[in-house]
Protein backbone atom coordinates (compact mmCIF):
# COMPACT_ATOMS: atom_id res chain seq x y z
CA UNK A 1 133.73 74.31 69.34
CA UNK A 2 130.62 77.10 69.17
CA UNK A 3 129.63 76.03 72.72
CA UNK A 4 133.50 76.46 74.13
CA UNK A 5 133.80 79.98 72.46
CA UNK A 6 130.44 81.13 73.67
CA UNK A 7 131.59 79.86 77.48
CA UNK A 8 134.79 81.82 77.26
CA UNK A 9 133.18 85.15 75.96
CA UNK A 10 130.74 84.76 78.67
CA UNK A 11 133.33 84.65 80.88
CA UNK A 12 135.20 87.39 79.79
CA UNK A 13 131.87 89.37 79.88
CA UNK A 14 131.43 88.72 83.64
CA UNK A 15 135.08 89.36 84.14
CA UNK A 16 134.58 93.00 82.63
CA UNK A 17 130.90 93.50 84.46
CA UNK A 18 132.50 92.82 87.76
CA UNK A 19 136.01 94.90 87.50
CA UNK A 20 133.53 97.76 86.01
CA UNK A 21 130.89 97.42 89.41
CA UNK A 22 134.53 97.49 91.45
CA UNK A 23 135.53 100.51 89.77
CA UNK A 24 131.87 102.12 90.16
CA UNK A 25 131.56 100.86 93.76
CA UNK A 26 135.29 102.42 94.68
CA UNK A 27 134.34 105.70 92.89
CA UNK A 28 131.27 106.22 94.42
CA UNK A 29 132.34 105.34 98.21
CA UNK A 30 134.81 108.33 98.09
CA UNK A 31 131.75 110.59 96.73
CA UNK A 32 129.49 109.58 99.47
CA UNK A 33 131.63 110.91 102.27
CA UNK A 34 131.78 114.69 101.33
CA UNK A 35 128.83 116.80 102.71
CA UNK A 36 127.16 113.84 103.76
CA UNK A 37 126.11 112.54 107.62
CA UNK A 38 126.89 109.18 108.49
CA UNK A 39 126.29 107.47 111.99
CA UNK A 40 129.45 105.74 113.18
CA UNK A 41 129.74 102.46 115.21
CA UNK A 42 132.63 101.61 117.26
CA UNK A 43 133.79 99.39 114.09
CA UNK A 44 133.76 101.83 111.20
CA UNK A 45 134.70 105.09 113.39
CA UNK A 46 138.16 105.15 111.96
CA UNK A 47 137.44 104.25 108.49
CA UNK A 48 135.09 107.49 108.73
CA UNK A 49 137.34 110.02 109.94
CA UNK A 50 140.78 109.00 107.81
CA UNK A 51 139.12 111.14 104.78
CA UNK A 52 141.27 113.48 103.20
CA UNK A 53 138.29 116.31 103.66
CA UNK A 54 137.67 117.69 107.10
CA UNK A 55 135.29 115.23 109.08
CA UNK A 56 133.07 116.74 112.31
CA UNK A 57 132.18 114.30 114.55
CA UNK A 58 129.21 114.94 116.71
CA UNK A 59 129.05 113.21 119.84
CA UNK A 60 125.64 112.96 120.93
CA UNK A 61 122.89 110.79 122.69
CA UNK A 62 119.04 110.27 122.21
CA UNK A 63 118.21 111.75 125.88
CA UNK A 64 120.14 114.89 125.57
CA UNK A 65 117.95 118.05 124.88
CA UNK A 66 120.79 120.30 123.44
CA UNK A 67 122.00 117.60 121.18
CA UNK A 68 118.62 117.64 119.26
CA UNK A 69 118.69 121.31 119.16
CA UNK A 70 122.42 121.29 117.88
CA UNK A 71 121.55 118.34 115.08
CA UNK A 72 119.45 120.33 112.64
CA UNK A 73 122.05 123.43 112.99
CA UNK A 74 125.27 120.80 112.17
CA UNK A 75 123.50 119.32 109.19
CA UNK A 76 122.65 122.45 107.75
CA UNK A 77 125.97 123.75 108.15
CA UNK A 78 127.75 120.92 106.45
CA UNK A 79 125.22 121.05 103.61
CA UNK A 80 126.40 124.13 102.90
CA UNK A 81 129.89 123.79 102.96
CA UNK A 82 129.72 121.16 100.89
CA UNK A 83 133.52 119.72 101.50
CA UNK A 84 132.71 118.80 105.32
CA UNK A 85 131.44 115.44 106.35
CA UNK A 86 129.34 114.93 109.35
CA UNK A 87 129.54 111.52 111.38
CA UNK A 88 127.17 111.27 114.23
CA UNK A 89 128.49 109.11 117.17
CA UNK A 90 125.65 108.07 119.66
CA UNK A 91 127.69 108.04 123.21
CA UNK A 92 125.34 105.18 124.52
CA UNK A 93 126.16 102.79 121.35
CA UNK A 94 129.63 103.58 120.97
CA UNK A 95 131.36 103.38 124.47
CA UNK A 96 134.65 102.47 123.29
CA UNK A 97 134.96 105.60 120.91
CA UNK A 98 133.59 107.88 123.29
CA UNK A 99 136.13 106.72 125.87
CA UNK A 100 138.94 107.02 123.33
CA UNK A 101 138.64 110.48 122.72
CA UNK A 102 137.33 111.50 126.61
CA UNK A 103 134.10 112.61 125.90
CA UNK A 104 132.74 113.87 129.10
CA UNK A 105 130.07 116.35 128.00
CA UNK A 106 127.69 116.33 125.16
CA UNK A 107 127.24 117.97 122.77
CA UNK A 108 130.95 117.80 121.99
CA UNK A 109 131.89 118.47 118.07
CA UNK A 110 135.48 117.32 116.77
CA UNK A 111 137.07 118.04 113.95
CA UNK A 112 139.22 115.74 112.21
CA UNK A 113 141.66 115.99 109.20
CA UNK A 114 143.79 113.23 108.52
CA UNK A 115 142.29 111.20 110.92
CA UNK A 116 143.62 113.45 114.05
CA UNK A 117 141.43 115.58 116.21
CA UNK A 118 142.29 119.50 115.11
CA UNK A 119 139.67 121.47 117.06
CA UNK A 120 136.21 120.96 118.85
CA UNK A 121 133.62 122.76 121.00
CA UNK A 122 131.18 121.27 123.55
CA UNK A 123 127.75 122.49 123.98
CA UNK A 124 124.98 123.67 121.75
CA UNK A 125 125.73 127.03 120.11
CA UNK A 126 123.85 129.36 117.88
CA UNK A 127 123.69 128.72 114.50
CA UNK A 128 125.93 131.45 113.15
CA UNK A 129 128.48 130.24 115.62
CA UNK A 130 128.38 126.81 114.38
CA UNK A 131 128.17 128.18 110.93
CA UNK A 132 131.61 130.16 111.09
CA UNK A 133 133.06 126.78 112.98
CA UNK A 134 132.19 124.71 110.27
CA UNK A 135 133.54 127.41 107.56
CA UNK A 136 136.63 127.85 109.50
CA UNK A 137 137.84 124.28 108.82
CA UNK A 138 136.17 123.51 105.63
């Protein structure tokens, strides 16, 4: 009888621990997106851009010099805003996503709100221009 009670108690503790972990995971997932940088794939792109907060998508390539120039500027602007998420899409690794949004020149930065593109710029711009672009959408 005592063994059965201990088994039931053990099961209840395990169920509570699992449900608490699931809640913690759900809460932390929503917090992880805001103000952070994420590398996208063709599979997870839609999930990343459907956040309630504005999402800046940087279409880039490893071989692109202007992309390397723009990257730290974008990261800094997103970090300062605290409310915008940066999603990086390597056009060579994500051909479906790049084709879907008709990316012909890089770097191309698009802003998404509620999963829909609302604004963009193409090319590497100076820090003050990028900062004002990010703040405009923050």
